[in-house]
PDB file of N, CA and C in Angstrom:
ATOM      1  N   MET A   1    -123.754-131.240 -59.145  1.00  0.00           N
ATOM      2  CA  MET A   1    -122.390-131.648 -59.692  1.00  0.00           C
ATOM      3  C   MET A   1    -121.852-130.944 -58.496  1.00  0.00           C
ATOM      4  N   GLN A   2    -121.975-130.153 -57.502  1.00  0.00           N
ATOM      5  CA  GLN A   2    -121.156-129.442 -56.880  1.00  0.00           C
ATOM      6  C   GLN A   2    -120.531-130.295 -55.903  1.00  0.00           C
ATOM      7  N   GLN A   3    -121.871-131.491 -55.448  1.00  0.00           N
ATOM      8  CA  GLN A   3    -121.768-132.462 -54.412  1.00  0.00           C
ATOM      9  C   GLN A   3    -120.981-133.092 -54.594  1.00  0.00           C
ATOM     10  N   ARG A   4    -120.478-133.286 -55.987  1.00  0.00           N
ATOM     11  CA  ARG A   4    -119.683-134.465 -56.226  1.00  0.00           C
ATOM     12  C   ARG A   4    -118.531-133.776 -56.908  1.00  0.00           C
ATOM     13  N   GLY A   5    -118.100-132.760 -56.928  1.00  0.00           N
ATOM     14  CA  GLY A   5    -116.856-132.396 -56.461  1.00  0.00           C
ATOM     15  C   GLY A   5    -116.307-132.040 -57.856  1.00  0.00           C
ATOM     16  N   LEU A   6    -117.063-131.571 -58.765  1.00  0.00           N
ATOM     17  CA  LEU A   6    -117.151-131.262 -60.311  1.00  0.00           C
ATOM     18  C   LEU A   6    -117.199-130.035 -60.495  1.00  0.00           C
ATOM     19  N   THR A   7    -117.303-128.858 -59.621  1.00  0.00           N
ATOM     20  CA  THR A   7    -117.147-127.661 -59.940  1.00  0.00           C
ATOM     21  C   THR A   7    -116.051-126.819 -59.339  1.00  0.00           C
ATOM     22  N   SER A   8    -115.848-125.877 -59.525  1.00  0.00           N
ATOM     23  CA  SER A   8    -115.051-124.683 -59.397  1.00  0.00           C
ATOM     24  C   SER A   8    -114.874-124.494 -57.708  1.00  0.00           C
ATOM     25  N   SER A   9    -116.279-124.319 -57.210  1.00  0.00           N
ATOM     26  CA  SER A   9    -116.243-124.323 -55.921  1.00  0.00           C
ATOM     27  C   SER A   9    -116.378-125.121 -54.978  1.00  0.00           C
ATOM     28  N   ARG A  10    -116.821-126.178 -55.401  1.00  0.00           N
ATOM     29  CA  ARG A  10    -117.497-127.324 -54.339  1.00  0.00           C
ATOM     30  C   ARG A  10    -118.751-127.191 -53.906  1.00  0.00           C
ATOM     31  N   GLY A  11    -119.470-125.374 -54.355  1.00  0.00           N
ATOM     32  CA  GLY A  11    -120.302-126.052 -52.999  1.00  0.00           C
ATOM     33  C   GLY A  11    -120.175-124.771 -51.964  1.00  0.00           C
ATOM     34  N   ARG A  12    -121.230-123.969 -51.736  1.00  0.00           N
ATOM     35  CA  ARG A  12    -121.232-123.148 -50.507  1.00  0.00           C
ATOM     36  C   ARG A  12    -121.101-124.054 -49.092  1.00  0.00           C
ATOM     37  N   LYS A  13    -120.626-123.775 -48.152  1.00  0.00           N
ATOM     38  CA  LYS A  13    -120.532-124.684 -46.973  1.00  0.00           C
ATOM     39  C   LYS A  13    -121.016-123.678 -45.849  1.00  0.00           C
ATOM     40  N   VAL A  14    -121.971-124.058 -44.637  1.00  0.00           N
ATOM     41  CA  VAL A  14    -121.976-123.359 -43.841  1.00  0.00           C
ATOM     42  C   VAL A  14    -121.559-122.013 -43.352  1.00  0.00           C
ATOM     43  N   GLY A  15    -122.329-120.994 -43.092  1.00  0.00           N
ATOM     44  CA  GLY A  15    -121.622-119.917 -42.726  1.00  0.00           C
ATOM     45  C   GLY A  15    -121.502-119.103 -43.694  1.00  0.00           C
ATOM     46  N   ASP A  16    -121.071-119.724 -45.132  1.00  0.00           N
ATOM     47  CA  ASP A  16    -120.625-118.785 -46.232  1.00  0.00           C
ATOM     48  C   ASP A  16    -121.593-118.212 -46.415  1.00  0.00           C
ATOM     49  N   PRO A  17    -121.398-116.385 -47.123  1.00  0.00           N
ATOM     50  CA  PRO A  17    -121.888-115.280 -47.244  1.00  0.00           C
ATOM     51  C   PRO A  17    -123.077-116.084 -48.793  1.00  0.00           C
ATOM     52  N   ALA A  18    -124.389-115.558 -48.794  1.00  0.00           N
ATOM     53  CA  ALA A  18    -124.906-115.919 -49.740  1.00  0.00           C
ATOM     54  C   ALA A  18    -124.274-115.049 -51.026  1.00  0.00           C
ATOM     55  N   GLY A  19    -124.941-115.624 -52.581  1.00  0.00           N
ATOM     56  CA  GLY A  19    -124.231-114.770 -53.878  1.00  0.00           C
ATOM     57  C   GLY A  19    -122.905-116.080 -54.279  1.00  0.00           C
ATOM     58  N   GLY A  20    -121.871-115.399 -54.817  1.00  0.00           N
ATOM     59  CA  GLY A  20    -120.696-116.201 -55.141  1.00  0.00           C
ATOM     60  C   GLY A  20    -120.720-116.357 -56.256  1.00  0.00           C
ATOM     61  N   MET A  21    -120.321-117.058 -57.120  1.00  0.00           N
ATOM     62  CA  MET A  21    -120.126-117.311 -58.468  1.00  0.00           C
ATOM     63  C   MET A  21    -121.038-117.891 -59.276  1.00  0.00           C
ATOM     64  N   SER A  22    -121.191-117.202 -60.599  1.00  0.00           N
ATOM     65  CA  SER A  22    -122.186-117.528 -61.215  1.00  0.00           C
ATOM     66  C   SER A  22    -122.179-119.208 -61.694  1.00  0.00           C
ATOM     67  N   TRP A  23    -123.061-119.625 -61.731  1.00  0.00           N
ATOM     68  CA  TRP A  23    -123.153-121.392 -62.287  1.00  0.00           C
ATOM     69  C   TRP A  23    -122.651-121.681 -63.520  1.00  0.00           C
ATOM     70  N   LEU A  24    -122.550-120.483 -64.285  1.00  0.00           N
ATOM     71  CA  LEU A  24    -121.818-120.827 -65.669  1.00  0.00           C
ATOM     72  C   LEU A  24    -119.885-120.845 -65.466  1.00  0.00           C
ATOM     73  N   ASN A  25    -119.603-119.940 -64.466  1.00  0.00           N
ATOM     74  CA  ASN A  25    -118.184-119.979 -64.079  1.00  0.00           C
ATOM     75  C   ASN A  25    -117.980-121.321 -63.266  1.00  0.00           C
ATOM     76  N   GLU A  26    -119.114-121.742 -62.273  1.00  0.00           N
ATOM     77  CA  GLU A  26    -118.674-122.724 -61.294  1.00  0.00           C
ATOM     78  C   GLU A  26    -118.327-123.908 -62.380  1.00  0.00           C
ATOM     79  N   LEU A  27    -118.725-124.149 -63.503  1.00  0.00           N
ATOM     80  CA  LEU A  27    -118.921-125.438 -64.680  1.00  0.00           C
ATOM     81  C   LEU A  27    -117.479-125.272 -65.592  1.00  0.00           C
ATOM     82  N   GLU A  28    -116.702-124.029 -65.400  1.00  0.00           N
ATOM     83  CA  GLU A  28    -115.799-123.696 -66.149  1.00  0.00           C
ATOM     84  C   GLU A  28    -114.665-124.317 -65.540  1.00  0.00           C
ATOM     85  N   CYS A  29    -114.309-125.646 -65.408  1.00  0.00           N
ATOM     86  CA  CYS A  29    -112.940-125.769 -64.812  1.00  0.00           C
ATOM     87  C   CYS A  29    -112.737-127.478 -65.287  1.00  0.00           C
ATOM     88  N   ALA A  30    -111.463-127.555 -64.945  1.00  0.00           N
ATOM     89  CA  ALA A  30    -111.256-129.225 -65.365  1.00  0.00           C
ATOM     90  C   ALA A  30    -112.267-130.485 -65.181  1.00  0.00           C
ATOM     91  N   ARG A  31    -112.042-130.294 -64.231  1.00  0.00           N
ATOM     92  CA  ARG A  31    -113.132-131.305 -63.590  1.00  0.00           C
ATOM     93  C   ARG A  31    -114.465-131.399 -64.102  1.00  0.00           C
ATOM     94  N   THR A  32    -115.222-130.493 -64.579  1.00  0.00           N
ATOM     95  CA  THR A  32    -116.285-130.717 -65.247  1.00  0.00           C
ATOM     96  C   THR A  32    -116.258-131.052 -66.849  1.00  0.00           C
ATOM     97  N   ALA A  33    -115.008-130.287 -67.455  1.00  0.00           N
ATOM     98  CA  ALA A  33    -114.751-131.167 -68.531  1.00  0.00           C
ATOM     99  C   ALA A  33    -114.258-132.154 -69.070  1.00  0.00           C
ATOM    100  N   THR A  34    -113.595-132.796 -67.918  1.00  0.00           N
ATOM    101  CA  THR A  34    -113.313-134.322 -67.856  1.00  0.00           C
ATOM    102  C   THR A  34    -114.226-135.111 -67.671  1.00  0.00           C
ATOM    103  N   TRP A  35    -115.216-134.584 -66.749  1.00  0.00           N
ATOM    104  CA  TRP A  35    -116.746-135.529 -66.608  1.00  0.00           C
ATOM    105  C   TRP A  35    -117.632-135.710 -67.656  1.00  0.00           C
ATOM    106  N   ALA A  36    -117.488-134.477 -68.501  1.00  0.00           N
ATOM    107  CA  ALA A  36    -118.347-134.421 -69.602  1.00  0.00           C
ATOM    108  C   ALA A  36    -117.988-135.071 -71.128  1.00  0.00           C
ATOM    109  N   CYS A  37    -116.676-135.076 -71.145  1.00  0.00           N
ATOM    110  CA  CYS A  37    -115.797-135.889 -72.122  1.00  0.00           C
ATOM    111  C   CYS A  37    -116.213-137.380 -71.983  1.00  0.00           C
ATOM    112  N   GLN A  38    -116.005-137.836 -70.698  1.00  0.00           N
ATOM    113  CA  GLN A  38    -116.117-139.281 -70.057  1.00  0.00           C
ATOM    114  C   GLN A  38    -117.854-139.712 -70.271  1.00  0.00           C
ATOM    115  N   ALA A  39    -118.592-138.625 -70.066  1.00  0.00           N
ATOM    116  CA  ALA A  39    -120.030-139.118 -70.390  1.00  0.00           C
ATOM    117  C   ALA A  39    -120.499-139.049 -71.399  1.00  0.00           C
ATOM    118  N   ALA A  40    -119.677-138.482 -71.716  1.00  0.00           N
ATOM    119  CA  ALA A  40    -120.076-138.439 -73.558  1.00  0.00           C
ATOM    120  C   ALA A  40    -119.838-139.769 -74.714  1.00  0.00           C
ATOM    121  N   ARG A  41    -118.304-140.066 -73.814  1.00  0.00           N
ATOM    122  CA  ARG A  41    -117.720-141.405 -74.527  1.00  0.00           C
ATOM    123  C   ARG A  41    -118.544-142.823 -73.877  1.00  0.00           C
ATOM    124  N   ASP A  42    -119.081-142.543 -73.171  1.00  0.00           N
ATOM    125  CA  ASP A  42    -119.582-143.600 -72.339  1.00  0.00           C
ATOM    126  C   ASP A  42    -121.351-143.817 -73.100  1.00  0.00           C
ATOM    127  N   ILE A  43    -121.623-142.517 -73.242  1.00  0.00           N
ATOM    128  CA  ILE A  43    -123.019-142.860 -73.893  1.00  0.00           C
ATOM    129  C   ILE A  43    -122.542-143.442 -75.776  1.00  0.00           C
ATOM    130  N   ILE A  44    -121.935-142.912 -76.191  1.00  0.00           N
ATOM    131  CA  ILE A  44    -121.719-143.367 -77.707  1.00  0.00           C
ATOM    132  C   ILE A  44    -121.289-144.794 -77.571  1.00  0.00           C
ATOM    133  N   ALA A  45    -120.657-145.226 -76.505  1.00  0.00           N
ATOM    134  CA  ALA A  45    -120.114-146.649 -76.333  1.00  0.00           C
ATOM    135  C   ALA A  45    -121.146-147.255 -76.322  1.00  0.00           C
ATOM    136  N   ALA A  46    -122.518-147.309 -75.696  1.00  0.00           N
ATOM    137  CA  ALA A  46    -123.750-147.720 -75.172  1.00  0.00           C
ATOM    138  C   ALA A  46    -124.324-147.995 -76.518  1.00  0.00           C
ATOM    139  N   VAL A  47    -124.163-146.428 -77.371  1.00  0.00           N
ATOM    140  CA  VAL A  47    -125.580-146.690 -78.372  1.00  0.00           C
ATOM    141  C   VAL A  47    -124.816-147.761 -79.440  1.00  0.00           C
ATOM    142  N   ILE A  48    -123.283-147.086 -79.939  1.00  0.00           N
ATOM    143  CA  ILE A  48    -122.649-148.476 -80.625  1.00  0.00           C
ATOM    144  C   ILE A  48    -123.068-150.042 -80.449  1.00  0.00           C
ATOM    145  N   THR A  49    -123.075-150.222 -78.948  1.00  0.00           N
ATOM    146  CA  THR A  49    -123.027-152.111 -78.443  1.00  0.00           C
ATOM    147  C   THR A  49    -124.363-152.387 -78.618  1.00  0.00           C
ATOM    148  N   MET A  50    -125.515-151.064 -78.440  1.00  0.00           N
ATOM    149  CA  MET A  50    -126.972-151.284 -79.260  1.00  0.00           C
ATOM    150  C   MET A  50    -127.197-152.113 -80.460  1.00  0.00           C
ATOM    151  N   LEU A  51    -126.277-151.476 -81.627  1.00  0.00           N
ATOM    152  CA  LEU A  51    -126.408-151.472 -82.458  1.00  0.00           C
ATOM    153  C   LEU A  51    -126.132-152.868 -83.463  1.00  0.00           C
ATOM    154  N   PRO A  52    -126.978-153.435 -84.185  1.00  0.00           N
ATOM    155  CA  PRO A  52    -126.923-154.844 -84.403  1.00  0.00           C
ATOM    156  C   PRO A  52    -125.808-155.137 -85.498  1.00  0.00           C
ATOM    157  N   GLN A  53    -125.098-156.238 -84.990  1.00  0.00           N
ATOM    158  CA  GLN A  53    -124.045-156.363 -86.212  1.00  0.00           C
ATOM    159  C   GLN A  53    -124.282-157.306 -87.607  1.00  0.00           C
ATOM    160  N   ASP A  54    -124.437-156.404 -88.963  1.00  0.00           N
ATOM    161  CA  ASP A  54    -124.975-156.836 -89.619  1.00  0.00           C
ATOM    162  C   ASP A  54    -124.126-156.782 -90.737  1.00  0.00           C
ATOM    163  N   PRO A  55    -124.025-158.195 -91.577  1.00  0.00           N
ATOM    164  CA  PRO A  55    -122.828-158.150 -92.597  1.00  0.00           C
ATOM    165  C   PRO A  55    -123.194-157.212 -93.575  1.00  0.00           C
ATOM    166  N   LYS A  56    -124.269-156.505 -93.631  1.00  0.00           N
ATOM    167  CA  LYS A  56    -124.644-155.967 -95.280  1.00  0.00           C
ATOM    168  C   LYS A  56    -124.480-154.058 -94.403  1.00  0.00           C
ATOM    169  N   MET A  57    -123.936-153.819 -92.990  1.00  0.00           N
ATOM    170  CA  MET A  57    -123.258-152.922 -92.815  1.00  0.00           C
ATOM    171  C   MET A  57    -122.133-152.787 -91.897  1.00  0.00           C
ATOM    172  N   PRO A  58    -120.812-152.679 -93.043  1.00  0.00           N
ATOM    173  CA  PRO A  58    -119.626-152.964 -92.504  1.00  0.00           C
ATOM    174  C   PRO A  58    -119.373-152.008 -91.040  1.00  0.00           C
ATOM    175  N   ILE A  59    -119.548-150.906 -91.488  1.00  0.00           N
ATOM    176  CA  ILE A  59    -119.363-149.544 -90.351  1.00  0.00           C
ATOM    177  C   ILE A  59    -119.674-149.905 -89.192  1.00  0.00           C
ATOM    178  N   ILE A  60    -120.911-150.954 -88.598  1.00  0.00           N
ATOM    179  CA  ILE A  60    -121.247-151.075 -87.340  1.00  0.00           C
ATOM    180  C   ILE A  60    -120.284-151.806 -87.019  1.00  0.00           C
ATOM    181  N   SER A  61    -119.827-153.263 -87.894  1.00  0.00           N
ATOM    182  CA  SER A  61    -118.875-153.806 -87.323  1.00  0.00           C
ATOM    183  C   SER A  61    -117.364-153.237 -86.955  1.00  0.00           C
ATOM    184  N   HIS A  62    -117.285-152.233 -87.684  1.00  0.00           N
ATOM    185  CA  HIS A  62    -115.616-151.377 -87.302  1.00  0.00           C
ATOM    186  C   HIS A  62    -116.055-151.020 -85.918  1.00  0.00           C
ATOM    187  N   PHE A  63    -116.978-149.918 -85.870  1.00  0.00           N
ATOM    188  CA  PHE A  63    -117.526-149.652 -84.403  1.00  0.00           C
ATOM    189  C   PHE A  63    -117.399-150.564 -83.300  1.00  0.00           C
ATOM    190  N   HIS A  64    -117.933-151.591 -83.535  1.00  0.00           N
ATOM    191  CA  HIS A  64    -117.866-152.517 -82.609  1.00  0.00           C
ATOM    192  C   HIS A  64    -116.344-153.047 -82.348  1.00  0.00           C
ATOM    193  N   TYR A  65    -115.364-152.887 -83.522  1.00  0.00           N
ATOM    194  CA  TYR A  65    -113.981-153.386 -83.426  1.00  0.00           C
ATOM    195  C   TYR A  65    -113.575-151.962 -82.688  1.00  0.00           C
ATOM    196  N   TRP A  66    -113.912-151.226 -82.870  1.00  0.00           N
ATOM    197  CA  TRP A  66    -113.119-150.031 -81.849  1.00  0.00           C
ATOM    198  C   TRP A  66    -113.136-150.255 -80.905  1.00  0.00           C
ATOM    199  N   LEU A  67    -114.486-150.562 -80.538  1.00  0.00           N
ATOM    200  CA  LEU A  67    -114.867-150.395 -78.937  1.00  0.00           C
ATOM    201  C   LEU A  67    -113.866-150.983 -78.051  1.00  0.00           C
ATOM    202  N   THR A  68    -113.700-152.556 -78.784  1.00  0.00           N
ATOM    203  CA  THR A  68    -112.482-153.340 -78.043  1.00  0.00           C
ATOM    204  C   THR A  68    -111.614-153.421 -78.148  1.00  0.00           C
ATOM    205  N   GLN A  69    -110.938-151.966 -78.918  1.00  0.00           N
ATOM    206  CA  GLN A  69    -109.813-151.536 -78.907  1.00  0.00           C
ATOM    207  C   GLN A  69    -109.019-150.650 -77.749  1.00  0.00           C
ATOM    208  N   ILE A  70    -110.083-149.682 -77.340  1.00  0.00           N
ATOM    209  CA  ILE A  70    -109.960-148.737 -76.604  1.00  0.00           C
ATOM    210  C   ILE A  70    -109.981-148.543 -75.008  1.00  0.00           C
TER     211      ILE A  70
END
C-alpha cells in the first residue's frame, strides 16, 4: 500500500532512520479509506453481476438495475 501511495508516509526512503510510524497509523488516512471504499464497491458490483437474473427473484433484478444507475 505504501508503494501505491495509499498510506500516510508513503514509505521509508533510502537513508531514513528505522522505526517510525506504526502500520495502523500508516493506514489511518483519506487515501486508504477511499481505496477501501472503492474496492468494497467493486467487489459488491462483481458479485451482483454474477447473480443469475431470475424472474422468481425480483430483488436480484433490482440490484442489476441499481448497478446500471451508478
